[in-house]
C-alpha atoms as a PDB file:
ATOM      1  CA  UNK A   1    -202.291  70.377 -61.244  1.00  0.00           C
ATOM      2  CA  UNK A   2    -201.277  67.006 -60.187  1.00  0.00           C
ATOM      3  CA  UNK A   3    -203.794  64.116 -60.858  1.00  0.00           C
ATOM      4  CA  UNK A   4    -204.401  63.823 -57.082  1.00  0.00           C
ATOM      5  CA  UNK A   5    -205.819  67.118 -56.900  1.00  0.00           C
ATOM      6  CA  UNK A   6    -207.780  66.507 -59.702  1.00  0.00           C
ATOM      7  CA  UNK A   7    -209.323  63.270 -58.179  1.00  0.00           C
ATOM      8  CA  UNK A   8    -210.264  65.183 -54.900  1.00  0.00           C
ATOM      9  CA  UNK A   9    -212.152  67.576 -56.701  1.00  0.00           C
ATOM     10  CA  UNK A  10    -214.238  65.326 -59.029  1.00  0.00           C
ATOM     11  CA  UNK A  11    -215.072  63.543 -55.874  1.00  0.00           C
ATOM     12  CA  UNK A  12    -216.303  66.359 -54.062  1.00  0.00           C
ATOM     13  CA  UNK A  13    -218.171  67.769 -57.102  1.00  0.00           C
ATOM     14  CA  UNK A  14    -219.958  64.701 -57.516  1.00  0.00           C
ATOM     15  CA  UNK A  15    -220.564  63.716 -54.063  1.00  0.00           C
ATOM     16  CA  UNK A  16    -220.201  66.757 -51.972  1.00  0.00           C
ATOM     17  CA  UNK A  17    -221.971  69.534 -54.448  1.00  0.00           C
ATOM     18  CA  UNK A  18    -222.079  71.944 -51.145  1.00  0.00           C
ATOM     19  CA  UNK A  19    -218.358  72.422 -51.233  1.00  0.00           C
ATOM     20  CA  UNK A  20    -216.952  74.974 -53.443  1.00  0.00           C
ATOM     21  CA  UNK A  21    -213.677  74.099 -54.525  1.00  0.00           C
ATOM     22  CA  UNK A  22    -211.349  76.990 -55.371  1.00  0.00           C
ATOM     23  CA  UNK A  23    -207.927  76.295 -56.818  1.00  0.00           C
ATOM     24  CA  UNK A  24    -205.253  78.579 -55.900  1.00  0.00           C
ATOM     25  CA  UNK A  25    -201.932  77.661 -58.109  1.00  0.00           C
ATOM     26  CA  UNK A  26    -198.540  79.477 -57.025  1.00  0.00           C
ATOM     27  CA  UNK A  27    -194.932  78.698 -58.334  1.00  0.00           C
ATOM     28  CA  UNK A  28    -194.036  80.884 -54.999  1.00  0.00           C
ATOM     29  CA  UNK A  29    -193.247  79.007 -51.905  1.00  0.00           C
ATOM     30  CA  UNK A  30    -193.927  82.246 -49.342  1.00  0.00           C
ATOM     31  CA  UNK A  31    -197.871  82.233 -50.917  1.00  0.00           C
ATOM     32  CA  UNK A  32    -198.557  78.974 -49.240  1.00  0.00           C
ATOM     33  CA  UNK A  33    -199.411  80.064 -45.196  1.00  0.00           C
ATOM     34  CA  UNK A  34    -202.842  81.563 -45.464  1.00  0.00           C
ATOM     35  CA  UNK A  35    -205.581  80.764 -42.828  1.00  0.00           C
ATOM     36  CA  UNK A  36    -208.537  80.846 -45.479  1.00  0.00           C
ATOM     37  CA  UNK A  37    -207.098  77.545 -47.165  1.00  0.00           C
ATOM     38  CA  UNK A  38    -208.580  74.180 -45.653  1.00  0.00           C
ATOM     39  CA  UNK A  39    -206.550  71.657 -47.625  1.00  0.00           C
ATOM     40  CA  UNK A  40    -203.381  72.514 -50.104  1.00  0.00           C
ATOM     41  CA  UNK A  41    -201.867  69.781 -52.297  1.00  0.00           C
ATOM     42  CA  UNK A  42    -198.162  70.472 -52.525  1.00  0.00           C
ATOM     43  CA  UNK A  43    -195.258  69.179 -53.990  1.00  0.00           C
ATOM     44  CA  UNK A  44    -192.393  68.397 -51.746  1.00  0.00           C
ATOM     45  CA  UNK A  45    -190.914  66.303 -48.975  1.00  0.00           C
ATOM     46  CA  UNK A  46    -194.076  66.807 -46.761  1.00  0.00           C
ATOM     47  CA  UNK A  47    -191.566  68.118 -43.411  1.00  0.00           C
ATOM     48  CA  UNK A  48    -193.325  71.596 -43.216  1.00  0.00           C
ATOM     49  CA  UNK A  49    -193.206  72.813 -39.696  1.00  0.00           C
ATOM     50  CA  UNK A  50    -197.156  73.486 -38.138  1.00  0.00           C
ATOM     51  CA  UNK A  51    -198.684  71.500 -40.799  1.00  0.00           C
ATOM     52  CA  UNK A  52    -199.762  67.901 -41.219  1.00  0.00           C
ATOM     53  CA  UNK A  53    -198.713  66.238 -44.492  1.00  0.00           C
ATOM     54  CA  UNK A  54    -200.165  63.207 -46.158  1.00  0.00           C
ATOM     55  CA  UNK A  55    -198.592  61.566 -49.329  1.00  0.00           C
ATOM     56  CA  UNK A  56    -200.784  61.283 -52.346  1.00  0.00           C
ATOM     57  CA  UNK A  57    -198.386  59.848 -54.898  1.00  0.00           C
ATOM     58  CA  UNK A  58    -194.676  59.709 -55.948  1.00  0.00           C
ATOM     59  CA  UNK A  59    -193.116  61.443 -58.982  1.00  0.00           C
ATOM     60  CA  UNK A  60    -191.595  60.330 -62.011  1.00  0.00           C
ATOM     61  CA  UNK A  61    -189.261  62.697 -63.682  1.00  0.00           C
ATOM     62  CA  UNK A  62    -188.637  62.346 -67.168  1.00  0.00           C
ATOM     63  CA  UNK A  63    -187.069  64.813 -70.134  1.00  0.00           C
ATOM     64  CA  UNK A  64    -189.543  66.523 -72.192  1.00  0.00           C
ATOM     65  CA  UNK A  65    -189.381  68.214 -75.425  1.00  0.00           C
ATOM     66  CA  UNK A  66    -191.350  68.689 -78.536  1.00  0.00           C
ATOM     67  CA  UNK A  67    -191.274  66.845 -81.567  1.00  0.00           C
ATOM     68  CA  UNK A  68    -189.792  69.724 -83.494  1.00  0.00           C
ATOM     69  CA  UNK A  69    -187.426  70.178 -81.221  1.00  0.00           C
ATOM     70  CA  UNK A  70    -186.340  66.603 -81.496  1.00  0.00           C
ATOM     71  CA  UNK A  71    -185.877  66.713 -85.089  1.00  0.00           C
ATOM     72  CA  UNK A  72    -183.319  69.391 -85.088  1.00  0.00           C
ATOM     73  CA  UNK A  73    -181.573  68.141 -82.193  1.00  0.00           C
ATOM     74  CA  UNK A  74    -181.651  64.439 -82.086  1.00  0.00           C
ATOM     75  CA  UNK A  75    -181.474  62.969 -78.209  1.00  0.00           C
ATOM     76  CA  UNK A  76    -180.365  59.598 -78.467  1.00  0.00           C
ATOM     77  CA  UNK A  77    -178.355  59.371 -75.241  1.00  0.00           C
ATOM     78  CA  UNK A  78    -177.352  61.029 -71.972  1.00  0.00           C
ATOM     79  CA  UNK A  79    -174.303  62.541 -73.629  1.00  0.00           C
ATOM     80  CA  UNK A  80    -176.566  64.386 -76.268  1.00  0.00           C
ATOM     81  CA  UNK A  81    -179.123  65.100 -73.618  1.00  0.00           C
ATOM     82  CA  UNK A  82    -176.985  66.944 -71.656  1.00  0.00           C
ATOM     83  CA  UNK A  83    -175.071  68.916 -74.473  1.00  0.00           C
ATOM     84  CA  UNK A  84    -178.636  69.991 -75.370  1.00  0.00           C
ATOM     85  CA  UNK A  85    -180.150  73.333 -74.587  1.00  0.00           C
ATOM     86  CA  UNK A  86    -181.852  72.438 -71.349  1.00  0.00           C
ATOM     87  CA  UNK A  87    -184.638  74.484 -69.677  1.00  0.00           C
ATOM     88  CA  UNK A  88    -184.891  74.403 -65.731  1.00  0.00           C
ATOM     89  CA  UNK A  89    -187.195  75.562 -63.190  1.00  0.00           C
ATOM     90  CA  UNK A  90    -185.186  76.857 -60.351  1.00  0.00           C
ATOM     91  CA  UNK A  91    -185.806  79.324 -57.336  1.00  0.00           C
ATOM     92  CA  UNK A  92    -189.605  78.734 -57.052  1.00  0.00           C
ATOM     93  CA  UNK A  93    -188.793  75.293 -54.471  1.00  0.00           C
ATOM     94  CA  UNK A  94    -185.677  74.354 -53.878  1.00  0.00           C
ATOM     95  CA  UNK A  95    -186.687  70.897 -53.670  1.00  0.00           C
ATOM     96  CA  UNK A  96    -187.642  70.328 -57.043  1.00  0.00           C
ATOM     97  CA  UNK A  97    -184.895  68.600 -59.282  1.00  0.00           C
ATOM     98  CA  UNK A  98    -182.350  70.402 -61.416  1.00  0.00           C
ATOM     99  CA  UNK A  99    -180.567  69.138 -64.622  1.00  0.00           C
ATOM    100  CA  UNK A 100    -177.525  68.191 -62.445  1.00  0.00           C
ATOM    101  CA  UNK A 101    -179.236  66.146 -60.253  1.00  0.00           C
ATOM    102  CA  UNK A 102    -181.589  64.250 -62.649  1.00  0.00           C
ATOM    103  CA  UNK A 103    -177.999  63.797 -65.178  1.00  0.00           C
ATOM    104  CA  UNK A 104    -176.036  62.950 -62.129  1.00  0.00           C
ATOM    105  CA  UNK A 105    -178.276  60.442 -61.158  1.00  0.00           C
ATOM    106  CA  UNK A 106    -178.896  58.950 -64.828  1.00  0.00           C
ATOM    107  CA  UNK A 107    -175.036  58.683 -64.955  1.00  0.00           C
ATOM    108  CA  UNK A 108    -174.666  61.241 -67.405  1.00  0.00           C
ATOM    109  CA  UNK A 109    -170.914  62.503 -68.373  1.00  0.00           C
ATOM    110  CA  UNK A 110    -170.227  65.921 -66.460  1.00  0.00           C
ATOM    111  CA  UNK A 111    -169.617  68.696 -68.008  1.00  0.00           C
ATOM    112  CA  UNK A 112    -170.758  72.761 -68.512  1.00  0.00           C
ATOM    113  CA  UNK A 113    -174.579  72.417 -68.947  1.00  0.00           C
ATOM    114  CA  UNK A 114    -176.216  74.830 -71.802  1.00  0.00           C
ATOM    115  CA  UNK A 115    -179.385  76.003 -69.128  1.00  0.00           C
ATOM    116  CA  UNK A 116    -181.635  78.431 -69.375  1.00  0.00           C
ATOM    117  CA  UNK A 117    -183.458  79.207 -65.940  1.00  0.00           C
ATOM    118  CA  UNK A 118    -187.426  79.983 -65.595  1.00  0.00           C
ATOM    119  CA  UNK A 119    -189.012  80.748 -62.504  1.00  0.00           C
ATOM    120  CA  UNK A 120    -192.611  79.346 -63.502  1.00  0.00           C
ATOM    121  CA  UNK A 121    -192.831  75.641 -64.298  1.00  0.00           C
ATOM    122  CA  UNK A 122    -195.649  76.380 -66.474  1.00  0.00           C
ATOM    123  CA  UNK A 123    -193.408  79.134 -68.645  1.00  0.00           C
ATOM    124  CA  UNK A 124    -190.703  76.007 -68.884  1.00  0.00           C
ATOM    125  CA  UNK A 125    -193.351  73.878 -70.273  1.00  0.00           C
ATOM    126  CA  UNK A 126    -194.453  75.932 -72.783  1.00  0.00           C
ATOM    127  CA  UNK A 127    -191.010  77.133 -73.939  1.00  0.00           C
ATOM    128  CA  UNK A 128    -190.484  73.372 -74.191  1.00  0.00           C
ATOM    129  CA  UNK A 129    -193.444  72.843 -76.276  1.00  0.00           C
ATOM    130  CA  UNK A 130    -192.558  75.673 -78.455  1.00  0.00           C
ATOM    131  CA  UNK A 131    -189.040  74.004 -79.415  1.00  0.00           C
ATOM    132  CA  UNK A 132    -187.015  75.863 -77.421  1.00  0.00           C
ATOM    133  CA  UNK A 133    -185.274  73.179 -75.496  1.00  0.00           C
ATOM    134  CA  UNK A 134    -185.622  69.792 -73.260  1.00  0.00           C
ATOM    135  CA  UNK A 135    -187.402  70.350 -69.661  1.00  0.00           C
ATOM    136  CA  UNK A 136    -188.002  68.468 -66.557  1.00  0.00           C
ATOM    137  CA  UNK A 137    -191.449  66.828 -66.345  1.00  0.00           C
END
């Protein structure tokens, strides 16, 4: 969960103990429209029809990998990063950054990427933690 969501929950717990906060976390965009939800914290542009949105914070996306992976696959520059096994979350929400867009923005040389696709951000990060590749975090 994003830092902003935790700060809101901490404030409510302390100052308004009568308010019950339930966390419903989903990577599926279509789980969102529910009449029983009063407040949602969502990743994206904020342009959602029929909703009012306020920006909480901006993201900084970085490549993340386990120390074990980096000892076996030294990633010292963009060329080495783009040649490494990459773990990508795609299909959950198409506004999420992909490896292609990340490497293009960083100025990496273009070539075919070695990408494993996940439909869950949590699972992709766990695979990176287990030394299976580099993820965007």
